[in-house]
Amino acid sequence: LDLACNLVHGSDSVQAAAREIELF
């Protein structure tokens, strides 16, 4: 129900996904 508490994050591009996966 809340913009600040919106439950999930998903990468917004293939490039972002590669960077984020490497971070985690």
mmCIF file of all heavy atoms, coordinates in Angstrom:
data_MODEL
# 
_entry.id   MODEL 
# 
loop_
_atom_site.group_PDB 
_atom_site.id 
_atom_site.type_symbol 
_atom_site.label_atom_id 
_atom_site.label_alt_id 
_atom_site.label_comp_id 
_atom_site.label_asym_id 
_atom_site.label_entity_id 
_atom_site.label_seq_id 
_atom_site.pdbx_PDB_ins_code 
_atom_site.Cartn_x 
_atom_site.Cartn_y 
_atom_site.Cartn_z 
_atom_site.occupancy 
_atom_site.B_iso_or_equiv 
_atom_site.pdbx_formal_charge 
_atom_site.auth_seq_id 
_atom_site.auth_comp_id 
_atom_site.auth_asym_id 
_atom_site.auth_atom_id 
_atom_site.pdbx_PDB_model_num 
ATOM 1   N N   . LEU A 1 1  ? 0.804  -1.223  0.000   1.00 0.00 ? 1  LEU A N   1 
ATOM 2   C CA  . LEU A 1 1  ? 0.000  0.000   0.000   1.00 0.00 ? 1  LEU A CA  1 
ATOM 3   C C   . LEU A 1 1  ? 0.835  1.270   0.000   1.00 0.00 ? 1  LEU A C   1 
ATOM 4   O O   . LEU A 1 1  ? 0.319  2.342   -0.252  1.00 0.00 ? 1  LEU A O   1 
ATOM 5   C CB  . LEU A 1 1  ? -0.908 0.040   1.249   1.00 0.00 ? 1  LEU A CB  1 
ATOM 6   C CG  . LEU A 1 1  ? -2.146 -0.831  1.208   1.00 0.00 ? 1  LEU A CG  1 
ATOM 7   C CD1 . LEU A 1 1  ? -2.852 -0.793  2.553   1.00 0.00 ? 1  LEU A CD1 1 
ATOM 8   C CD2 . LEU A 1 1  ? -3.085 -0.369  0.111   1.00 0.00 ? 1  LEU A CD2 1 
ATOM 9   N N   . ASP A 1 2  ? 2.122  1.155   0.292   1.00 0.00 ? 2  ASP A N   1 
ATOM 10  C CA  . ASP A 1 2  ? 2.949  2.334   0.546   1.00 0.00 ? 2  ASP A CA  1 
ATOM 11  C C   . ASP A 1 2  ? 4.129  2.393   -0.425  1.00 0.00 ? 2  ASP A C   1 
ATOM 12  O O   . ASP A 1 2  ? 4.827  1.401   -0.607  1.00 0.00 ? 2  ASP A O   1 
ATOM 13  C CB  . ASP A 1 2  ? 3.453  2.257   1.994   1.00 0.00 ? 2  ASP A CB  1 
ATOM 14  C CG  . ASP A 1 2  ? 4.125  3.512   2.462   1.00 0.00 ? 2  ASP A CG  1 
ATOM 15  O OD1 . ASP A 1 2  ? 5.163  3.883   1.877   1.00 0.00 ? 2  ASP A OD1 1 
ATOM 16  O OD2 . ASP A 1 2  ? 3.637  4.108   3.433   1.00 0.00 ? 2  ASP A OD2 1 
ATOM 17  N N   . LEU A 1 3  ? 4.358  3.556   -1.020  1.00 0.00 ? 3  LEU A N   1 
ATOM 18  C CA  . LEU A 1 3  ? 5.469  3.736   -1.958  1.00 0.00 ? 3  LEU A CA  1 
ATOM 19  C C   . LEU A 1 3  ? 6.813  3.470   -1.287  1.00 0.00 ? 3  LEU A C   1 
ATOM 20  O O   . LEU A 1 3  ? 7.699  2.860   -1.874  1.00 0.00 ? 3  LEU A O   1 
ATOM 21  C CB  . LEU A 1 3  ? 5.435  5.149   -2.551  1.00 0.00 ? 3  LEU A CB  1 
ATOM 22  C CG  . LEU A 1 3  ? 6.545  5.516   -3.528  1.00 0.00 ? 3  LEU A CG  1 
ATOM 23  C CD1 . LEU A 1 3  ? 6.521  4.597   -4.745  1.00 0.00 ? 3  LEU A CD1 1 
ATOM 24  C CD2 . LEU A 1 3  ? 6.419  6.963   -3.958  1.00 0.00 ? 3  LEU A CD2 1 
ATOM 25  N N   . ALA A 1 4  ? 6.969  3.910   -0.049  1.00 0.00 ? 4  ALA A N   1 
ATOM 26  C CA  . ALA A 1 4  ? 8.244  3.733   0.656   1.00 0.00 ? 4  ALA A CA  1 
ATOM 27  C C   . ALA A 1 4  ? 8.469  2.276   1.051   1.00 0.00 ? 4  ALA A C   1 
ATOM 28  O O   . ALA A 1 4  ? 9.609  1.820   1.133   1.00 0.00 ? 4  ALA A O   1 
ATOM 29  C CB  . ALA A 1 4  ? 8.299  4.629   1.885   1.00 0.00 ? 4  ALA A CB  1 
ATOM 30  N N   . CYS A 1 5  ? 7.409  1.554   1.318   1.00 0.00 ? 5  CYS A N   1 
ATOM 31  C CA  . CYS A 1 5  ? 7.493  0.147   1.723   1.00 0.00 ? 5  CYS A CA  1 
ATOM 32  C C   . CYS A 1 5  ? 6.789  -0.685  0.656   1.00 0.00 ? 5  CYS A C   1 
ATOM 33  O O   . CYS A 1 5  ? 5.660  -1.123  0.842   1.00 0.00 ? 5  CYS A O   1 
ATOM 34  C CB  . CYS A 1 5  ? 6.834  -0.049  3.088   1.00 0.00 ? 5  CYS A CB  1 
ATOM 35  S SG  . CYS A 1 5  ? 7.618  0.847   4.419   1.00 0.00 ? 5  CYS A SG  1 
ATOM 36  N N   . ASN A 1 6  ? 7.493  -0.902  -0.460  1.00 0.00 ? 6  ASN A N   1 
ATOM 37  C CA  . ASN A 1 6  ? 6.844  -1.544  -1.605  1.00 0.00 ? 6  ASN A CA  1 
ATOM 38  C C   . ASN A 1 6  ? 7.309  -2.983  -1.849  1.00 0.00 ? 6  ASN A C   1 
ATOM 39  O O   . ASN A 1 6  ? 7.221  -3.489  -2.949  1.00 0.00 ? 6  ASN A O   1 
ATOM 40  C CB  . ASN A 1 6  ? 6.982  -0.688  -2.863  1.00 0.00 ? 6  ASN A CB  1 
ATOM 41  C CG  . ASN A 1 6  ? 8.411  -0.463  -3.275  1.00 0.00 ? 6  ASN A CG  1 
ATOM 42  O OD1 . ASN A 1 6  ? 9.328  -1.135  -2.816  1.00 0.00 ? 6  ASN A OD1 1 
ATOM 43  N ND2 . ASN A 1 6  ? 8.620  0.485   -4.170  1.00 0.00 ? 6  ASN A ND2 1 
ATOM 44  N N   . LEU A 1 7  ? 7.820  -3.603  -0.810  1.00 0.00 ? 7  LEU A N   1 
ATOM 45  C CA  . LEU A 1 7  ? 8.054  -5.051  -0.711  1.00 0.00 ? 7  LEU A CA  1 
ATOM 46  C C   . LEU A 1 7  ? 9.233  -5.625  -1.476  1.00 0.00 ? 7  LEU A C   1 
ATOM 47  O O   . LEU A 1 7  ? 9.929  -6.488  -0.949  1.00 0.00 ? 7  LEU A O   1 
ATOM 48  C CB  . LEU A 1 7  ? 6.798  -5.838  -1.112  1.00 0.00 ? 7  LEU A CB  1 
ATOM 49  C CG  . LEU A 1 7  ? 5.504  -5.487  -0.387  1.00 0.00 ? 7  LEU A CG  1 
ATOM 50  C CD1 . LEU A 1 7  ? 4.350  -6.322  -0.960  1.00 0.00 ? 7  LEU A CD1 1 
ATOM 51  C CD2 . LEU A 1 7  ? 5.633  -5.692  1.100   1.00 0.00 ? 7  LEU A CD2 1 
ATOM 52  N N   . VAL A 1 8  ? 9.444  -5.224  -2.736  1.00 0.00 ? 8  VAL A N   1 
ATOM 53  C CA  . VAL A 1 8  ? 10.439 -5.900  -3.569  1.00 0.00 ? 8  VAL A CA  1 
ATOM 54  C C   . VAL A 1 8  ? 11.236 -4.908  -4.416  1.00 0.00 ? 8  VAL A C   1 
ATOM 55  O O   . VAL A 1 8  ? 10.786 -3.809  -4.709  1.00 0.00 ? 8  VAL A O   1 
ATOM 56  C CB  . VAL A 1 8  ? 9.783  -6.937  -4.517  1.00 0.00 ? 8  VAL A CB  1 
ATOM 57  C CG1 . VAL A 1 8  ? 9.280  -8.137  -3.756  1.00 0.00 ? 8  VAL A CG1 1 
ATOM 58  C CG2 . VAL A 1 8  ? 8.676  -6.310  -5.337  1.00 0.00 ? 8  VAL A CG2 1 
ATOM 59  N N   . HIS A 1 9  ? 12.416 -5.367  -4.803  1.00 0.00 ? 9  HIS A N   1 
ATOM 60  C CA  . HIS A 1 9  ? 13.249 -4.666  -5.789  1.00 0.00 ? 9  HIS A CA  1 
ATOM 61  C C   . HIS A 1 9  ? 13.577 -5.671  -6.873  1.00 0.00 ? 9  HIS A C   1 
ATOM 62  O O   . HIS A 1 9  ? 13.872 -6.834  -6.586  1.00 0.00 ? 9  HIS A O   1 
ATOM 63  C CB  . HIS A 1 9  ? 14.548 -4.163  -5.155  1.00 0.00 ? 9  HIS A CB  1 
ATOM 64  C CG  . HIS A 1 9  ? 15.588 -3.811  -6.182  1.00 0.00 ? 9  HIS A CG  1 
ATOM 65  N ND1 . HIS A 1 9  ? 15.639 -2.586  -6.790  1.00 0.00 ? 9  HIS A ND1 1 
ATOM 66  C CD2 . HIS A 1 9  ? 16.588 -4.551  -6.732  1.00 0.00 ? 9  HIS A CD2 1 
ATOM 67  C CE1 . HIS A 1 9  ? 16.633 -2.577  -7.667  1.00 0.00 ? 9  HIS A CE1 1 
ATOM 68  N NE2 . HIS A 1 9  ? 17.228 -3.753  -7.654  1.00 0.00 ? 9  HIS A NE2 1 
ATOM 69  N N   . GLY A 1 10 ? 13.566 -5.212  -8.118  1.00 0.00 ? 10 GLY A N   1 
ATOM 70  C CA  . GLY A 1 10 ? 14.023 -6.032  -9.234  1.00 0.00 ? 10 GLY A CA  1 
ATOM 71  C C   . GLY A 1 10 ? 14.887 -5.181  -10.146 1.00 0.00 ? 10 GLY A C   1 
ATOM 72  O O   . GLY A 1 10 ? 14.594 -4.003  -10.367 1.00 0.00 ? 10 GLY A O   1 
ATOM 73  N N   . SER A 1 11 ? 15.938 -5.748  -10.657 1.00 0.00 ? 11 SER A N   1 
ATOM 74  C CA  . SER A 1 11 ? 16.831 -5.022  -11.570 1.00 0.00 ? 11 SER A CA  1 
ATOM 75  C C   . SER A 1 11 ? 16.027 -4.439  -12.730 1.00 0.00 ? 11 SER A C   1 
ATOM 76  O O   . SER A 1 11 ? 15.099 -5.076  -13.225 1.00 0.00 ? 11 SER A O   1 
ATOM 77  C CB  . SER A 1 11 ? 17.900 -5.962  -12.122 1.00 0.00 ? 11 SER A CB  1 
ATOM 78  O OG  . SER A 1 11 ? 18.622 -6.572  -11.077 1.00 0.00 ? 11 SER A OG  1 
ATOM 79  N N   . ASP A 1 12 ? 16.406 -3.231  -13.173 1.00 0.00 ? 12 ASP A N   1 
ATOM 80  C CA  . ASP A 1 12 ? 15.632 -2.573  -14.233 1.00 0.00 ? 12 ASP A CA  1 
ATOM 81  C C   . ASP A 1 12 ? 16.215 -2.747  -15.626 1.00 0.00 ? 12 ASP A C   1 
ATOM 82  O O   . ASP A 1 12 ? 15.653 -2.259  -16.597 1.00 0.00 ? 12 ASP A O   1 
ATOM 83  C CB  . ASP A 1 12 ? 15.402 -1.096  -13.911 1.00 0.00 ? 12 ASP A CB  1 
ATOM 84  C CG  . ASP A 1 12 ? 16.677 -0.282  -13.840 1.00 0.00 ? 12 ASP A CG  1 
ATOM 85  O OD1 . ASP A 1 12 ? 17.768 -0.801  -14.168 1.00 0.00 ? 12 ASP A OD1 1 
ATOM 86  O OD2 . ASP A 1 12 ? 16.593 0.900   -13.465 1.00 0.00 ? 12 ASP A OD2 1 
ATOM 87  N N   . SER A 1 13 ? 17.346 -3.445  -15.733 1.00 0.00 ? 13 SER A N   1 
ATOM 88  C CA  . SER A 1 13 ? 17.932 -3.723  -17.046 1.00 0.00 ? 13 SER A CA  1 
ATOM 89  C C   . SER A 1 13 ? 18.907 -4.893  -16.900 1.00 0.00 ? 13 SER A C   1 
ATOM 90  O O   . SER A 1 13 ? 19.298 -5.249  -15.776 1.00 0.00 ? 13 SER A O   1 
ATOM 91  C CB  . SER A 1 13 ? 18.691 -2.499  -17.586 1.00 0.00 ? 13 SER A CB  1 
ATOM 92  O OG  . SER A 1 13 ? 19.856 -2.257  -16.798 1.00 0.00 ? 13 SER A OG  1 
ATOM 93  N N   . VAL A 1 14 ? 19.298 -5.472  -18.007 1.00 0.00 ? 14 VAL A N   1 
ATOM 94  C CA  . VAL A 1 14 ? 20.272 -6.564  -17.988 1.00 0.00 ? 14 VAL A CA  1 
ATOM 95  C C   . VAL A 1 14 ? 21.598 -6.065  -17.420 1.00 0.00 ? 14 VAL A C   1 
ATOM 96  O O   . VAL A 1 14 ? 22.251 -6.761  -16.633 1.00 0.00 ? 14 VAL A O   1 
ATOM 97  C CB  . VAL A 1 14 ? 20.446 -7.156  -19.407 1.00 0.00 ? 14 VAL A CB  1 
ATOM 98  C CG1 . VAL A 1 14 ? 21.574 -8.164  -19.441 1.00 0.00 ? 14 VAL A CG1 1 
ATOM 99  C CG2 . VAL A 1 14 ? 19.149 -7.778  -19.887 1.00 0.00 ? 14 VAL A CG2 1 
ATOM 100 N N   . GLN A 1 15 ? 21.983 -4.835  -17.777 1.00 0.00 ? 15 GLN A N   1 
ATOM 101 C CA  . GLN A 1 15 ? 23.234 -4.261  -17.271 1.00 0.00 ? 15 GLN A CA  1 
ATOM 102 C C   . GLN A 1 15 ? 23.169 -4.031  -15.764 1.00 0.00 ? 15 GLN A C   1 
ATOM 103 O O   . GLN A 1 15 ? 24.116 -4.342  -15.038 1.00 0.00 ? 15 GLN A O   1 
ATOM 104 C CB  . GLN A 1 15 ? 23.555 -2.944  -17.990 1.00 0.00 ? 15 GLN A CB  1 
ATOM 105 C CG  . GLN A 1 15 ? 23.805 -3.070  -19.473 1.00 0.00 ? 15 GLN A CG  1 
ATOM 106 C CD  . GLN A 1 15 ? 22.523 -3.238  -20.291 1.00 0.00 ? 15 GLN A CD  1 
ATOM 107 O OE1 . GLN A 1 15 ? 21.411 -2.933  -19.866 1.00 0.00 ? 15 GLN A OE1 1 
ATOM 108 N NE2 . GLN A 1 15 ? 22.680 -3.753  -21.508 1.00 0.00 ? 15 GLN A NE2 1 
ATOM 109 N N   . ALA A 1 16 ? 22.056 -3.485  -15.289 1.00 0.00 ? 16 ALA A N   1 
ATOM 110 C CA  . ALA A 1 16 ? 21.882 -3.273  -13.850 1.00 0.00 ? 16 ALA A CA  1 
ATOM 111 C C   . ALA A 1 16 ? 21.881 -4.609  -13.122 1.00 0.00 ? 16 ALA A C   1 
ATOM 112 O O   . ALA A 1 16 ? 22.457 -4.737  -12.032 1.00 0.00 ? 16 ALA A O   1 
ATOM 113 C CB  . ALA A 1 16 ? 20.601 -2.496  -13.571 1.00 0.00 ? 16 ALA A CB  1 
ATOM 114 N N   . ALA A 1 17 ? 21.254 -5.610  -13.700 1.00 0.00 ? 17 ALA A N   1 
ATOM 115 C CA  . ALA A 1 17 ? 21.204 -6.935  -13.083 1.00 0.00 ? 17 ALA A CA  1 
ATOM 116 C C   . ALA A 1 17 ? 22.614 -7.489  -12.882 1.00 0.00 ? 17 ALA A C   1 
ATOM 117 O O   . ALA A 1 17 ? 22.937 -8.007  -11.804 1.00 0.00 ? 17 ALA A O   1 
ATOM 118 C CB  . ALA A 1 17 ? 20.369 -7.892  -13.926 1.00 0.00 ? 17 ALA A CB  1 
ATOM 119 N N   . ALA A 1 18 ? 23.462 -7.374  -13.886 1.00 0.00 ? 18 ALA A N   1 
ATOM 120 C CA  . ALA A 1 18 ? 24.833 -7.877  -13.777 1.00 0.00 ? 18 ALA A CA  1 
ATOM 121 C C   . ALA A 1 18 ? 25.578 -7.175  -12.635 1.00 0.00 ? 18 ALA A C   1 
ATOM 122 O O   . ALA A 1 18 ? 26.252 -7.826  -11.830 1.00 0.00 ? 18 ALA A O   1 
ATOM 123 C CB  . ALA A 1 18 ? 25.576 -7.691  -15.097 1.00 0.00 ? 18 ALA A CB  1 
ATOM 124 N N   . ARG A 1 19 ? 25.436 -5.855  -12.564 1.00 0.00 ? 19 ARG A N   1 
ATOM 125 C CA  . ARG A 1 19 ? 26.097 -5.078  -11.498 1.00 0.00 ? 19 ARG A CA  1 
ATOM 126 C C   . ARG A 1 19 ? 25.551 -5.461  -10.127 1.00 0.00 ? 19 ARG A C   1 
ATOM 127 O O   . ARG A 1 19 ? 26.299 -5.691  -9.184  1.00 0.00 ? 19 ARG A O   1 
ATOM 128 C CB  . ARG A 1 19 ? 25.903 -3.581  -11.742 1.00 0.00 ? 19 ARG A CB  1 
ATOM 129 C CG  . ARG A 1 19 ? 26.570 -2.695  -10.700 1.00 0.00 ? 19 ARG A CG  1 
ATOM 130 C CD  . ARG A 1 19 ? 26.267 -1.221  -10.893 1.00 0.00 ? 19 ARG A CD  1 
ATOM 131 N NE  . ARG A 1 19 ? 24.930 -0.847  -10.506 1.00 0.00 ? 19 ARG A NE  1 
ATOM 132 C CZ  . ARG A 1 19 ? 24.541 -0.602  -9.242  1.00 0.00 ? 19 ARG A CZ  1 
ATOM 133 N NH1 . ARG A 1 19 ? 25.403 -0.717  -8.252  1.00 0.00 ? 19 ARG A NH1 1 
ATOM 134 N NH2 . ARG A 1 19 ? 23.297 -0.260  -8.983  1.00 0.00 ? 19 ARG A NH2 1 
ATOM 135 N N   . GLU A 1 20 ? 24.240 -5.565  -10.017 1.00 0.00 ? 20 GLU A N   1 
ATOM 136 C CA  . GLU A 1 20 ? 23.612 -5.855  -8.732  1.00 0.00 ? 20 GLU A CA  1 
ATOM 137 C C   . GLU A 1 20 ? 23.887 -7.286  -8.271  1.00 0.00 ? 20 GLU A C   1 
ATOM 138 O O   . GLU A 1 20 ? 24.147 -7.515  -7.081  1.00 0.00 ? 20 GLU A O   1 
ATOM 139 C CB  . GLU A 1 20 ? 22.104 -5.618  -8.825  1.00 0.00 ? 20 GLU A CB  1 
ATOM 140 C CG  . GLU A 1 20 ? 21.756 -4.157  -9.000  1.00 0.00 ? 20 GLU A CG  1 
ATOM 141 C CD  . GLU A 1 20 ? 20.292 -3.900  -9.270  1.00 0.00 ? 20 GLU A CD  1 
ATOM 142 O OE1 . GLU A 1 20 ? 19.522 -4.870  -9.500  1.00 0.00 ? 20 GLU A OE1 1 
ATOM 143 O OE2 . GLU A 1 20 ? 19.912 -2.723  -9.256  1.00 0.00 ? 20 GLU A OE2 1 
ATOM 144 N N   . ILE A 1 21 ? 23.858 -8.228  -9.176  1.00 0.00 ? 21 ILE A N   1 
ATOM 145 C CA  . ILE A 1 21 ? 24.160 -9.614  -8.807  1.00 0.00 ? 21 ILE A CA  1 
ATOM 146 C C   . ILE A 1 21 ? 25.573 -9.704  -8.258  1.00 0.00 ? 21 ILE A C   1 
ATOM 147 O O   . ILE A 1 21 ? 25.824 -10.342 -7.232  1.00 0.00 ? 21 ILE A O   1 
ATOM 148 C CB  . ILE A 1 21 ? 23.949 -10.564 -10.005 1.00 0.00 ? 21 ILE A CB  1 
ATOM 149 C CG1 . ILE A 1 21 ? 22.447 -10.679 -10.317 1.00 0.00 ? 21 ILE A CG1 1 
ATOM 150 C CG2 . ILE A 1 21 ? 24.568 -11.944 -9.733  1.00 0.00 ? 21 ILE A CG2 1 
ATOM 151 C CD1 . ILE A 1 21 ? 22.132 -11.347 -11.643 1.00 0.00 ? 21 ILE A CD1 1 
ATOM 152 N N   . GLU A 1 22 ? 26.505 -9.045  -8.906  1.00 0.00 ? 22 GLU A N   1 
ATOM 153 C CA  . GLU A 1 22 ? 27.895 -9.045  -8.451  1.00 0.00 ? 22 GLU A CA  1 
ATOM 154 C C   . GLU A 1 22 ? 28.038 -8.403  -7.077  1.00 0.00 ? 22 GLU A C   1 
ATOM 155 O O   . GLU A 1 22 ? 28.892 -8.794  -6.281  1.00 0.00 ? 22 GLU A O   1 
ATOM 156 C CB  . GLU A 1 22 ? 28.767 -8.312  -9.471  1.00 0.00 ? 22 GLU A CB  1 
ATOM 157 C CG  . GLU A 1 22 ? 30.246 -8.436  -9.204  1.00 0.00 ? 22 GLU A CG  1 
ATOM 158 C CD  . GLU A 1 22 ? 31.063 -7.818  -10.320 1.00 0.00 ? 22 GLU A CD  1 
ATOM 159 O OE1 . GLU A 1 22 ? 31.016 -8.347  -11.440 1.00 0.00 ? 22 GLU A OE1 1 
ATOM 160 O OE2 . GLU A 1 22 ? 31.720 -6.788  -10.065 1.00 0.00 ? 22 GLU A OE2 1 
ATOM 161 N N   . LEU A 1 23 ? 27.191 -7.422  -6.774  1.00 0.00 ? 23 LEU A N   1 
ATOM 162 C CA  . LEU A 1 23 ? 27.228 -6.738  -5.484  1.00 0.00 ? 23 LEU A CA  1 
ATOM 163 C C   . LEU A 1 23 ? 26.739 -7.650  -4.354  1.00 0.00 ? 23 LEU A C   1 
ATOM 164 O O   . LEU A 1 23 ? 27.238 -7.589  -3.236  1.00 0.00 ? 23 LEU A O   1 
ATOM 165 C CB  . LEU A 1 23 ? 26.358 -5.477  -5.566  1.00 0.00 ? 23 LEU A CB  1 
ATOM 166 C CG  . LEU A 1 23 ? 26.382 -4.504  -4.404  1.00 0.00 ? 23 LEU A CG  1 
ATOM 167 C CD1 . LEU A 1 23 ? 27.775 -3.937  -4.169  1.00 0.00 ? 23 LEU A CD1 1 
ATOM 168 C CD2 . LEU A 1 23 ? 25.390 -3.374  -4.661  1.00 0.00 ? 23 LEU A CD2 1 
ATOM 169 N N   . PHE A 1 24 ? 25.780 -8.530  -4.645  1.00 0.00 ? 24 PHE A N   1 
ATOM 170 C CA  . PHE A 1 24 ? 25.150 -9.348  -3.618  1.00 0.00 ? 24 PHE A CA  1 
ATOM 171 C C   . PHE A 1 24 ? 25.622 -10.799 -3.569  1.00 0.00 ? 24 PHE A C   1 
ATOM 172 O O   . PHE A 1 24 ? 25.433 -11.463 -2.555  1.00 0.00 ? 24 PHE A O   1 
ATOM 173 C CB  . PHE A 1 24 ? 23.628 -9.327  -3.798  1.00 0.00 ? 24 PHE A CB  1 
ATOM 174 C CG  . PHE A 1 24 ? 22.995 -8.043  -3.363  1.00 0.00 ? 24 PHE A CG  1 
ATOM 175 C CD1 . PHE A 1 24 ? 22.842 -6.998  -4.260  1.00 0.00 ? 24 PHE A CD1 1 
ATOM 176 C CD2 . PHE A 1 24 ? 22.572 -7.862  -2.060  1.00 0.00 ? 24 PHE A CD2 1 
ATOM 177 C CE1 . PHE A 1 24 ? 22.270 -5.801  -3.866  1.00 0.00 ? 24 PHE A CE1 1 
ATOM 178 C CE2 . PHE A 1 24 ? 21.996 -6.668  -1.652  1.00 0.00 ? 24 PHE A CE2 1 
ATOM 179 C CZ  . PHE A 1 24 ? 21.844 -5.634  -2.558  1.00 0.00 ? 24 PHE A CZ  1 
# 
